[in-house]
C-alpha atoms as a PDB file:
ATOM      1  CA  MET A   1     -81.205  24.587-174.163  1.00  0.00           C
ATOM      2  CA  LYS A   2     -79.384  22.927-177.050  1.00  0.00           C
ATOM      3  CA  ILE A   3     -76.641  20.310-177.155  1.00  0.00           C
ATOM      4  CA  VAL A   4     -73.816  21.178-179.556  1.00  0.00           C
ATOM      5  CA  PRO A   5     -71.236  18.453-180.309  1.00  0.00           C
ATOM      6  CA  ALA A   6     -67.704  19.804-180.009  1.00  0.00           C
ATOM      7  CA  ILE A   7     -64.975  18.457-182.282  1.00  0.00           C
ATOM      8  CA  LEU A   8     -61.398  18.699-181.059  1.00  0.00           C
ATOM      9  CA  ALA A   9     -58.645  16.976-183.028  1.00  0.00           C
ATOM     10  CA  GLU A  10     -54.872  17.269-183.162  1.00  0.00           C
ATOM     11  CA  ASN A  11     -54.577  15.793-186.660  1.00  0.00           C
ATOM     12  CA  PHE A  12     -56.597  16.001-189.842  1.00  0.00           C
ATOM     13  CA  ASP A  13     -57.496  12.305-190.020  1.00  0.00           C
ATOM     14  CA  ASP A  14     -59.055  12.421-186.560  1.00  0.00           C
ATOM     15  CA  PHE A  15     -60.887  15.612-187.497  1.00  0.00           C
ATOM     16  CA  THR A  16     -62.472  14.118-190.605  1.00  0.00           C
ATOM     17  CA  ALA A  17     -63.403  10.960-188.707  1.00  0.00           C
ATOM     18  CA  LEU A  18     -65.157  12.926-185.956  1.00  0.00           C
ATOM     19  CA  LEU A  19     -66.848  15.147-188.510  1.00  0.00           C
ATOM     20  CA  ALA A  20     -68.180  12.109-190.372  1.00  0.00           C
ATOM     21  CA  GLN A  21     -69.603  10.724-187.135  1.00  0.00           C
ATOM     22  CA  ALA A  22     -71.279  14.041-186.350  1.00  0.00           C
ATOM     23  CA  GLU A  23     -72.930  14.181-189.779  1.00  0.00           C
ATOM     24  CA  SER A  24     -74.971  11.109-188.864  1.00  0.00           C
ATOM     25  CA  PHE A  25     -76.787  12.725-185.938  1.00  0.00           C
ATOM     26  CA  THR A  26     -76.591  16.547-186.044  1.00  0.00           C
ATOM     27  CA  ASP A  27     -76.531  19.501-188.425  1.00  0.00           C
ATOM     28  CA  TYR A  28     -74.454  21.869-186.262  1.00  0.00           C
ATOM     29  CA  VAL A  29     -71.117  21.455-184.471  1.00  0.00           C
ATOM     30  CA  GLN A  30     -68.416  23.453-182.783  1.00  0.00           C
ATOM     31  CA  ILE A  31     -64.887  22.994-184.120  1.00  0.00           C
ATOM     32  CA  ASP A  32     -62.075  23.709-181.663  1.00  0.00           C
ATOM     33  CA  ILE A  33     -58.873  25.211-183.042  1.00  0.00           C
ATOM     34  CA  MET A  34     -55.691  25.323-180.912  1.00  0.00           C
ATOM     35  CA  ASP A  35     -52.361  26.942-181.776  1.00  0.00           C
ATOM     36  CA  GLY A  36     -49.993  25.451-179.188  1.00  0.00           C
ATOM     37  CA  VAL A  37     -49.354  28.980-177.902  1.00  0.00           C
ATOM     38  CA  PHE A  38     -52.535  30.237-176.240  1.00  0.00           C
ATOM     39  CA  VAL A  39     -53.075  26.659-175.069  1.00  0.00           C
ATOM     40  CA  GLU A  40     -50.490  23.892-174.881  1.00  0.00           C
ATOM     41  CA  SER A  41     -52.144  21.594-177.399  1.00  0.00           C
ATOM     42  CA  LYS A  42     -52.154  22.174-181.145  1.00  0.00           C
ATOM     43  CA  SER A  43     -54.838  21.094-183.594  1.00  0.00           C
ATOM     44  CA  PHE A  44     -54.589  20.221-187.266  1.00  0.00           C
ATOM     45  CA  PRO A  45     -53.771  23.144-189.648  1.00  0.00           C
ATOM     46  CA  VAL A  46     -56.894  25.280-189.761  1.00  0.00           C
ATOM     47  CA  GLU A  47     -56.872  25.408-193.566  1.00  0.00           C
ATOM     48  CA  GLY A  48     -57.875  21.756-193.460  1.00  0.00           C
ATOM     49  CA  ILE A  49     -61.435  22.824-192.657  1.00  0.00           C
ATOM     50  CA  ASN A  50     -61.726  24.191-196.186  1.00  0.00           C
ATOM     51  CA  GLU A  51     -60.914  20.786-197.684  1.00  0.00           C
ATOM     52  CA  VAL A  52     -63.853  18.877-196.223  1.00  0.00           C
ATOM     53  CA  ALA A  53     -67.119  18.492-198.101  1.00  0.00           C
ATOM     54  CA  THR A  54     -69.648  18.499-195.286  1.00  0.00           C
ATOM     55  CA  PRO A  55     -73.250  19.677-195.040  1.00  0.00           C
ATOM     56  CA  LEU A  56     -72.713  20.660-191.409  1.00  0.00           C
ATOM     57  CA  ILE A  57     -73.075  24.242-190.239  1.00  0.00           C
ATOM     58  CA  PHE A  58     -70.472  25.104-187.638  1.00  0.00           C
ATOM     59  CA  GLU A  59     -68.924  27.604-185.276  1.00  0.00           C
ATOM     60  CA  VAL A  60     -65.223  27.759-184.541  1.00  0.00           C
ATOM     61  CA  HIS A  61     -63.842  28.133-181.028  1.00  0.00           C
ATOM     62  CA  LEU A  62     -60.449  29.753-181.530  1.00  0.00           C
ATOM     63  CA  MET A  63     -58.145  28.868-178.646  1.00  0.00           C
ATOM     64  CA  VAL A  64     -55.399  30.854-180.355  1.00  0.00           C
ATOM     65  CA  LYS A  65     -53.271  33.923-179.748  1.00  0.00           C
ATOM     66  CA  ASP A  66     -54.079  35.481-183.130  1.00  0.00           C
ATOM     67  CA  PRO A  67     -57.770  34.859-183.840  1.00  0.00           C
ATOM     68  CA  LEU A  68     -57.963  37.361-186.702  1.00  0.00           C
ATOM     69  CA  SER A  69     -55.240  35.631-188.697  1.00  0.00           C
ATOM     70  CA  THR A  70     -56.695  32.206-187.929  1.00  0.00           C
ATOM     71  CA  MET A  71     -60.202  33.232-188.941  1.00  0.00           C
ATOM     72  CA  SER A  72     -58.866  34.637-192.210  1.00  0.00           C
ATOM     73  CA  LYS A  73     -57.690  31.166-193.239  1.00  0.00           C
ATOM     74  CA  ILE A  74     -61.188  29.649-193.047  1.00  0.00           C
ATOM     75  CA  THR A  75     -63.197  29.960-196.260  1.00  0.00           C
ATOM     76  CA  HIS A  76     -65.648  27.074-195.804  1.00  0.00           C
ATOM     77  CA  ARG A  77     -69.218  28.156-196.503  1.00  0.00           C
ATOM     78  CA  GLY A  78     -70.491  26.246-193.465  1.00  0.00           C
ATOM     79  CA  LEU A  79     -68.904  28.688-190.994  1.00  0.00           C
ATOM     80  CA  ARG A  80     -71.457  30.815-189.156  1.00  0.00           C
ATOM     81  CA  LYS A  81     -69.970  31.905-185.832  1.00  0.00           C
ATOM     82  CA  VAL A  82     -66.441  32.852-184.750  1.00  0.00           C
ATOM     83  CA  ILE A  83     -65.668  32.628-181.032  1.00  0.00           C
ATOM     84  CA  PHE A  84     -62.401  34.184-179.854  1.00  0.00           C
ATOM     85  CA  HIS A  85     -60.942  34.253-176.353  1.00  0.00           C
ATOM     86  CA  PHE A  86     -61.190  37.440-174.350  1.00  0.00           C
ATOM     87  CA  GLU A  87     -57.771  36.707-172.849  1.00  0.00           C
ATOM     88  CA  ALA A  88     -56.060  36.310-176.238  1.00  0.00           C
ATOM     89  CA  VAL A  89     -56.404  39.871-177.553  1.00  0.00           C
ATOM     90  CA  THR A  90     -56.343  43.462-176.361  1.00  0.00           C
ATOM     91  CA  ASP A  91     -58.206  45.251-179.169  1.00  0.00           C
ATOM     92  CA  HIS A  92     -61.517  43.440-178.888  1.00  0.00           C
ATOM     93  CA  GLY A  93     -63.463  46.102-180.782  1.00  0.00           C
ATOM     94  CA  THR A  94     -61.450  45.842-183.971  1.00  0.00           C
ATOM     95  CA  LEU A  95     -61.607  42.061-183.962  1.00  0.00           C
ATOM     96  CA  ILE A  96     -65.362  41.999-183.382  1.00  0.00           C
ATOM     97  CA  SER A  97     -65.919  44.526-186.164  1.00  0.00           C
ATOM     98  CA  GLU A  98     -63.855  42.404-188.544  1.00  0.00           C
ATOM     99  CA  ILE A  99     -65.794  39.253-187.650  1.00  0.00           C
ATOM    100  CA  ARG A 100     -69.052  41.056-188.426  1.00  0.00           C
ATOM    101  CA  ARG A 101     -67.640  42.576-191.625  1.00  0.00           C
ATOM    102  CA  ARG A 102     -66.906  39.099-192.903  1.00  0.00           C
ATOM    103  CA  GLY A 103     -70.489  38.050-192.266  1.00  0.00           C
ATOM    104  CA  PHE A 104     -69.983  35.919-189.164  1.00  0.00           C
ATOM    105  CA  VAL A 105     -71.628  36.042-185.742  1.00  0.00           C
ATOM    106  CA  PRO A 106     -69.102  37.186-183.111  1.00  0.00           C
ATOM    107  CA  GLY A 107     -68.739  35.229-179.901  1.00  0.00           C
ATOM    108  CA  MET A 108     -66.361  35.618-176.984  1.00  0.00           C
ATOM    109  CA  ALA A 109     -65.029  32.818-174.788  1.00  0.00           C
ATOM    110  CA  VAL A 110     -63.765  33.386-171.260  1.00  0.00           C
ATOM    111  CA  ASN A 111     -61.566  31.148-169.149  1.00  0.00           C
ATOM    112  CA  PRO A 112     -62.742  29.884-165.753  1.00  0.00           C
ATOM    113  CA  GLU A 113     -60.547  32.229-163.724  1.00  0.00           C
ATOM    114  CA  THR A 114     -61.442  35.411-165.657  1.00  0.00           C
ATOM    115  CA  GLY A 115     -63.613  37.686-163.531  1.00  0.00           C
ATOM    116  CA  THR A 116     -66.764  39.266-164.954  1.00  0.00           C
ATOM    117  CA  ASP A 117     -65.461  42.734-164.148  1.00  0.00           C
ATOM    118  CA  ARG A 118     -62.704  42.261-166.717  1.00  0.00           C
ATOM    119  CA  PHE A 119     -64.908  41.518-169.720  1.00  0.00           C
ATOM    120  CA  GLU A 120     -68.299  43.078-168.968  1.00  0.00           C
ATOM    121  CA  LYS A 121     -67.544  46.166-171.105  1.00  0.00           C
ATOM    122  CA  VAL A 122     -67.097  43.935-174.162  1.00  0.00           C
ATOM    123  CA  ILE A 123     -70.278  41.909-173.684  1.00  0.00           C
ATOM    124  CA  GLY A 124     -72.455  44.454-175.467  1.00  0.00           C
ATOM    125  CA  SER A 125     -70.433  44.044-178.667  1.00  0.00           C
ATOM    126  CA  VAL A 126     -70.786  40.278-179.076  1.00  0.00           C
ATOM    127  CA  ASP A 127     -73.785  38.024-179.694  1.00  0.00           C
ATOM    128  CA  THR A 128     -72.580  34.966-177.788  1.00  0.00           C
ATOM    129  CA  LEU A 129     -70.658  34.424-174.566  1.00  0.00           C
ATOM    130  CA  LEU A 130     -68.994  31.033-174.208  1.00  0.00           C
ATOM    131  CA  PHE A 131     -67.979  30.191-170.642  1.00  0.00           C
ATOM    132  CA  LEU A 132     -65.297  27.542-170.305  1.00  0.00           C
ATOM    133  CA  THR A 133     -66.113  25.204-167.442  1.00  0.00           C
ATOM    134  CA  VAL A 134     -62.739  23.482-167.749  1.00  0.00           C
ATOM    135  CA  ASP A 135     -59.238  24.829-168.238  1.00  0.00           C
ATOM    136  CA  PRO A 136     -58.852  25.120-172.032  1.00  0.00           C
ATOM    137  CA  CYS A 137     -56.705  22.622-173.904  1.00  0.00           C
ATOM    138  CA  CYS A 138     -57.978  19.175-174.700  1.00  0.00           C
ATOM    139  CA  TYR A 139     -60.714  16.603-174.137  1.00  0.00           C
ATOM    140  CA  GLY A 140     -61.182  15.352-170.592  1.00  0.00           C
ATOM    141  CA  ARG A 141     -60.116  18.250-168.375  1.00  0.00           C
ATOM    142  CA  PRO A 142     -61.850  18.278-164.957  1.00  0.00           C
ATOM    143  CA  PHE A 143     -65.101  20.207-164.575  1.00  0.00           C
ATOM    144  CA  ARG A 144     -64.980  23.576-162.771  1.00  0.00           C
ATOM    145  CA  PRO A 145     -68.422  23.846-161.078  1.00  0.00           C
ATOM    146  CA  GLU A 146     -67.694  27.291-159.614  1.00  0.00           C
ATOM    147  CA  VAL A 147     -68.129  28.774-163.101  1.00  0.00           C
ATOM    148  CA  LEU A 148     -71.867  28.029-162.999  1.00  0.00           C
ATOM    149  CA  GLU A 149     -72.423  30.900-160.571  1.00  0.00           C
ATOM    150  CA  LYS A 150     -70.650  33.316-162.923  1.00  0.00           C
ATOM    151  CA  ILE A 151     -72.754  32.105-165.845  1.00  0.00           C
ATOM    152  CA  ALA A 152     -75.954  32.638-163.871  1.00  0.00           C
ATOM    153  CA  GLU A 153     -74.934  36.187-162.931  1.00  0.00           C
ATOM    154  CA  VAL A 154     -74.136  37.157-166.513  1.00  0.00           C
ATOM    155  CA  LYS A 155     -77.315  35.531-167.842  1.00  0.00           C
ATOM    156  CA  LYS A 156     -79.348  37.607-165.413  1.00  0.00           C
ATOM    157  CA  ALA A 157     -77.513  40.835-166.199  1.00  0.00           C
ATOM    158  CA  PHE A 158     -77.500  40.333-169.990  1.00  0.00           C
ATOM    159  CA  PRO A 159     -80.682  38.367-170.830  1.00  0.00           C
ATOM    160  CA  ASP A 160     -80.495  39.284-174.525  1.00  0.00           C
ATOM    161  CA  LYS A 161     -77.154  37.524-175.048  1.00  0.00           C
ATOM    162  CA  VAL A 162     -76.710  33.916-176.104  1.00  0.00           C
ATOM    163  CA  ILE A 163     -75.026  32.189-173.179  1.00  0.00           C
ATOM    164  CA  ALA A 164     -73.121  28.970-173.784  1.00  0.00           C
ATOM    165  CA  ALA A 165     -70.883  26.683-171.749  1.00  0.00           C
ATOM    166  CA  ASP A 166     -68.091  24.390-172.849  1.00  0.00           C
ATOM    167  CA  GLY A 167     -66.137  21.733-171.005  1.00  0.00           C
ATOM    168  CA  GLY A 168     -66.822  18.855-168.664  1.00  0.00           C
ATOM    169  CA  VAL A 169     -70.515  18.714-169.523  1.00  0.00           C
ATOM    170  CA  SER A 170     -71.965  15.343-168.552  1.00  0.00           C
ATOM    171  CA  LEU A 171     -75.326  13.647-168.098  1.00  0.00           C
ATOM    172  CA  GLU A 172     -74.790  14.040-164.361  1.00  0.00           C
ATOM    173  CA  ASN A 173     -74.216  17.805-164.333  1.00  0.00           C
ATOM    174  CA  LEU A 174     -76.462  18.794-167.270  1.00  0.00           C
ATOM    175  CA  LYS A 175     -79.163  19.886-164.822  1.00  0.00           C
ATOM    176  CA  GLY A 176     -76.891  22.602-163.452  1.00  0.00           C
ATOM    177  CA  PHE A 177     -76.518  24.197-166.884  1.00  0.00           C
ATOM    178  CA  HIS A 178     -80.233  23.855-167.569  1.00  0.00           C
ATOM    179  CA  ASP A 179     -81.214  25.420-164.262  1.00  0.00           C
ATOM    180  CA  ILE A 180     -79.076  28.544-164.766  1.00  0.00           C
ATOM    181  CA  GLY A 181     -80.551  29.166-168.208  1.00  0.00           C
ATOM    182  CA  ALA A 182     -77.675  28.336-170.546  1.00  0.00           C
ATOM    183  CA  ASP A 183     -78.807  28.567-174.171  1.00  0.00           C
ATOM    184  CA  TYR A 184     -76.506  25.766-175.283  1.00  0.00           C
ATOM    185  CA  VAL A 185     -73.734  23.543-174.012  1.00  0.00           C
ATOM    186  CA  CYS A 186     -70.859  22.121-176.023  1.00  0.00           C
ATOM    187  CA  VAL A 187     -70.137  18.444-175.411  1.00  0.00           C
ATOM    188  CA  GLY A 188     -66.978  16.819-176.715  1.00  0.00           C
ATOM    189  CA  SER A 189     -65.395  13.880-174.931  1.00  0.00           C
ATOM    190  CA  ARG A 190     -68.646  12.429-173.589  1.00  0.00           C
ATOM    191  CA  ILE A 191     -70.021  12.227-177.107  1.00  0.00           C
ATOM    192  CA  PHE A 192     -66.980  11.208-179.129  1.00  0.00           C
ATOM    193  CA  LEU A 193     -64.431   9.412-176.939  1.00  0.00           C
ATOM    194  CA  LYS A 194     -66.276   6.311-175.723  1.00  0.00           C
ATOM    195  CA  GLY A 195     -68.962   4.180-177.331  1.00  0.00           C
ATOM    196  CA  ASP A 196     -71.108   5.237-180.264  1.00  0.00           C
ATOM    197  CA  ALA A 197     -71.193   9.014-180.757  1.00  0.00           C
ATOM    198  CA  GLY A 198     -74.750   9.076-182.081  1.00  0.00           C
ATOM    199  CA  THR A 199     -76.032   7.037-179.151  1.00  0.00           C
ATOM    200  CA  ASN A 200     -74.192   9.283-176.698  1.00  0.00           C
ATOM    201  CA  TYR A 201     -75.659  12.396-178.309  1.00  0.00           C
ATOM    202  CA  ARG A 202     -79.179  10.977-178.090  1.00  0.00           C
ATOM    203  CA  LEU A 203     -78.666  10.216-174.397  1.00  0.00           C
ATOM    204  CA  PHE A 204     -77.976  13.907-173.842  1.00  0.00           C
ATOM    205  CA  LEU A 205     -81.121  14.836-175.755  1.00  0.00           C
ATOM    206  CA  GLU A 206     -83.166  12.397-173.677  1.00  0.00           C
ATOM    207  CA  LYS A 207     -81.749  13.802-170.454  1.00  0.00           C
ATOM    208  CA  LEU A 208     -82.502  17.324-171.624  1.00  0.00           C
ATOM    209  CA  ARG A 209     -86.111  16.385-172.400  1.00  0.00           C
ATOM    210  CA  GLU A 210     -86.451  14.958-168.887  1.00  0.00           C
ATOM    211  CA  LEU A 211     -85.180  18.223-167.406  1.00  0.00           C
ATOM    212  CA  GLU A 212     -87.511  20.328-169.542  1.00  0.00           C
ATOM    213  CA  GLN A 213     -90.514  18.222-168.565  1.00  0.00           C
ATOM    214  CA  ALA A 214     -89.738  18.175-164.847  1.00  0.00           C
END
């Protein structure tokens, strides 16, 4: 399992500050984009990503109502994976095809309350499934432990898919994600909001090593 730092910022200055911190301890991050429509919060204008000179490789988690339009505004060469929300669109096939056509890896995020029966027909078309373990919006939402069971079921049914989790991940509950076979977890607030981000990230790596050696 991998630890992926997740950057969520409502303004460009905060975004660049978090990105600079991340550059000191990782080479890959997730960048959260919010439109104020699909979720209540709104992030900095997505075109701002193109303005930063960073060596980081990244995926974008599009918490937006129009992921195709949002994706089209990102031209940064560091972008590798585009994760849209199942609940945001109806024509998943066309969107996934367009993501692939543009050379990106397609991923699909699902909200905590979305049942597997609703999205299982789309799973075969994406490379990554990102399960939200909090209600989507902003840093610090409470953890939804009931989602772990859903993740475990999908991991068992679709072992060839990359399974990720995002939201409320902590040193205390990391074992739960490890035990169900998540391929990576996205960690935001517990890396960036308190203390030194690099130190916090290394604490997660140390905890993960303990779990893998147990």
